[in-house]
Protein backbone atom coordinates (compact mmCIF):
# COMPACT_ATOMS: atom_id res chain seq x y z
CA MET A 1 150.83 172.57 80.95
CA LYS A 2 153.91 173.69 78.13
CA ARG A 3 155.57 170.56 79.60
CA LEU A 4 152.55 168.55 79.31
CA ILE A 5 152.42 169.57 75.85
CA THR A 6 155.79 168.77 75.18
CA VAL A 7 155.72 165.71 76.51
CA ALA A 8 152.57 164.71 74.34
CA CYS A 9 154.12 166.12 70.90
CA VAL A 10 157.25 163.79 71.43
CA PHE A 11 155.47 160.75 72.39
CA LEU A 12 153.60 161.21 69.06
CA THR A 13 156.03 161.93 67.01
CA ALA A 14 158.02 159.23 68.52
CA SER A 15 154.86 157.07 67.58
CA PHE A 16 154.69 157.89 64.19
CA GLY A 17 158.18 157.25 63.50
CA ILE A 18 158.04 153.34 64.75
CA ALA A 19 154.64 153.03 62.67
CA HIS A 20 156.79 154.74 59.59
CA GLY A 21 159.28 152.20 60.24
CA ASP A 22 157.13 149.06 60.09
CA SER A 23 155.92 150.16 56.99
CA GLN A 24 159.32 150.63 55.11
CA LYS A 25 160.00 147.37 56.66
CA THR A 26 161.77 145.91 53.19
CA PRO A 27 159.45 142.45 52.31
CA PRO A 28 161.10 139.16 51.97
CA PRO A 29 162.70 138.25 48.39
CA ASN A 30 160.64 135.87 46.19
CA LEU A 31 162.47 132.85 45.69
CA SER A 32 160.23 131.38 42.97
CA GLY A 33 162.04 129.91 40.02
CA THR A 34 163.43 126.99 38.29
CA TRP A 35 167.12 126.26 40.25
CA VAL A 36 170.43 123.93 39.51
CA LEU A 37 172.74 123.04 41.63
CA ASP A 38 176.21 124.10 41.38
CA PRO A 39 178.04 121.46 41.97
CA SER A 40 181.64 123.56 41.94
CA LYS A 41 180.18 125.94 44.27
CA SER A 42 178.14 123.37 46.63
CA ASN A 43 179.47 121.35 49.26
CA PRO A 44 176.22 118.64 50.39
CA ARG A 45 176.62 115.89 52.76
CA SER A 46 176.24 112.85 50.30
CA GLU A 47 176.81 112.22 46.74
CA ILE A 48 174.09 114.23 44.28
CA LYS A 49 173.83 114.79 40.78
CA ASP A 50 171.54 116.60 38.34
CA TYR A 51 169.64 118.61 41.24
CA VAL A 52 166.62 120.52 40.03
CA LEU A 53 164.67 122.20 42.54
CA THR A 54 161.69 124.44 41.59
CA ILE A 55 160.30 127.29 44.25
CA VAL A 56 156.92 128.38 43.85
CA HIS A 57 156.52 131.27 46.75
CA ASN A 58 153.38 133.05 47.36
CA GLU A 59 153.95 134.64 50.81
CA PRO A 60 153.43 132.85 52.99
CA GLU A 61 153.40 129.47 51.62
CA ILE A 62 156.48 128.30 49.76
CA GLN A 63 156.34 125.12 47.68
CA PHE A 64 159.93 123.51 46.99
CA SER A 65 159.82 120.82 44.56
CA LYS A 66 162.86 118.58 44.34
CA LYS A 67 164.42 116.27 41.82
CA PHE A 68 168.18 115.01 42.52
CA LYS A 69 170.30 111.71 41.72
CA ARG A 70 172.08 110.10 44.85
CA GLY A 71 173.72 107.03 43.65
CA LYS A 72 171.87 105.37 40.92
CA ARG A 73 168.70 106.42 42.35
CA GLU A 74 166.25 109.49 41.02
CA ILE A 75 164.73 111.44 43.71
CA SER A 76 161.84 113.36 43.85
CA GLU A 77 160.78 115.30 46.99
CA GLU A 78 157.71 117.79 47.53
CA THR A 79 158.32 119.91 50.86
CA VAL A 80 155.51 123.63 51.94
CA TYR A 81 157.27 125.65 53.97
CA TYR A 82 154.83 128.63 56.29
CA THR A 83 156.60 131.44 57.37
CA ASP A 84 153.49 132.63 59.44
CA GLY A 85 154.12 129.56 62.05
CA ARG A 86 151.63 127.07 60.74
CA PRO A 87 152.86 123.98 61.43
CA GLN A 88 154.81 122.07 59.21
CA PHE A 89 153.87 118.06 59.23
CA GLY A 90 155.72 115.76 57.71
CA ASP A 91 159.32 116.40 56.41
CA GLY A 92 161.54 117.08 59.54
CA GLN A 93 159.10 116.12 62.00
CA THR A 94 160.52 113.22 64.00
CA PRO A 95 158.67 111.42 67.27
CA ASN A 96 161.29 112.75 69.06
CA GLY A 97 161.38 116.06 67.61
CA THR A 98 159.66 119.15 67.88
CA LEU A 99 157.70 120.78 65.03
CA PRO A 100 160.34 123.15 62.50
CA GLU A 101 159.75 126.54 62.96
CA ILE A 102 160.11 128.83 59.58
CA ARG A 103 160.61 132.64 59.60
CA TRP A 104 162.19 135.62 57.67
CA ARG A 105 164.85 137.02 59.47
CA GLY A 106 165.91 139.72 57.18
CA GLN A 107 166.03 139.10 54.05
CA LYS A 108 166.69 135.39 54.88
CA LEU A 109 164.68 132.34 55.42
CA VAL A 110 165.48 130.53 58.24
CA ARG A 111 164.32 127.00 58.85
CA ARG A 112 165.05 125.55 63.08
CA THR A 113 164.23 121.28 63.82
CA VAL A 114 165.49 119.85 66.99
CA THR A 115 165.65 116.50 67.22
CA ARG A 116 166.12 114.07 70.15
CA PRO A 117 167.70 109.72 69.82
CA ARG A 118 164.79 107.58 70.47
CA GLY A 119 164.43 107.50 73.69
CA SER A 120 166.56 110.44 75.03
CA PHE A 121 165.05 113.46 76.57
CA GLU A 122 168.53 115.05 77.63
CA LEU A 123 170.35 115.04 74.05
CA GLU A 124 169.31 116.82 71.22
CA PHE A 125 170.46 118.21 68.12
CA VAL A 126 169.87 121.21 66.46
CA ASN A 127 169.32 121.88 62.68
CA TYR A 128 169.37 125.24 60.85
CA GLU A 129 168.30 125.57 57.02
CA GLU A 130 168.97 129.15 55.58
CA TRP A 131 168.09 130.37 52.49
CA SER A 132 169.28 133.56 50.89
CA LEU A 133 168.87 135.35 47.67
CA SER A 134 171.75 136.85 46.03
CA ALA A 135 171.19 140.83 45.22
CA ASP A 136 170.84 140.08 41.23
CA LYS A 137 168.27 137.52 42.40
CA GLN A 138 170.29 134.84 40.11
CA THR A 139 171.83 132.77 42.80
CA LEU A 140 170.30 130.91 45.63
CA THR A 141 172.45 130.06 48.79
CA ARG A 142 171.12 126.81 51.43
CA LYS A 143 173.54 126.63 54.05
CA MET A 144 172.76 123.73 56.28
CA THR A 145 174.44 123.44 59.92
CA THR A 146 173.77 120.57 62.82
CA SER A 147 175.39 120.81 66.35
CA GLY A 148 174.44 118.81 69.17
CA PRO A 149 176.15 116.92 72.37
CA GLY A 150 178.75 114.64 70.91
CA LEU A 151 180.18 116.91 67.93
CA ARG A 152 183.62 117.50 68.61
CA ALA A 153 183.24 120.32 71.55
CA GLY A 154 180.24 122.01 70.09
CA VAL A 155 181.66 122.25 66.55
CA PHE A 156 178.78 121.55 64.29
CA ILE A 157 177.96 120.23 60.78
CA GLU A 158 177.82 122.48 57.79
CA SER A 159 176.73 121.91 53.99
CA ARG A 160 176.01 124.33 51.31
CA ALA A 161 174.05 124.04 48.13
CA VAL A 162 174.25 126.99 45.71
CA PHE A 163 171.68 127.26 42.88
CA THR A 164 172.04 129.41 39.81
CA ARG A 165 168.29 130.37 38.18
CA ARG A 166 167.45 128.56 35.40
CA PRO A 167 166.48 130.77 32.37
């Protein structure tokens, strides 16, 4: 009987610890704000100028408004990410790909997409987009990587965009 009581106490203590640990989980950072690209710390894949990013973050929905110049063209884009598993249609969705997966991994927002060249079921490219906020909440970094066949022995393509908070 003592043994049964001891086992029950250990089980209850462990259960409380697990539940308590979940309640102590750090919430994801709020990415809201107006952000300006710092070209000296960035290496985007194409020539981009005057990049301003506005984010409205109301978990689980994150709205991105992008305005920038590429060459002589002024470009505006609107994108919404859902971190609760809801499908995101439009941006990043291709006829031969899958819907993007967007999740918090610790304090980083990660978006993963898989695309396949038209007519191929064997070749696929995996794209990761990772957003992280500095400890002082004044710098937002977006890291993009693409990996897949035909990229030198599994080497991936990477770009980085570093934004500073506009006051």
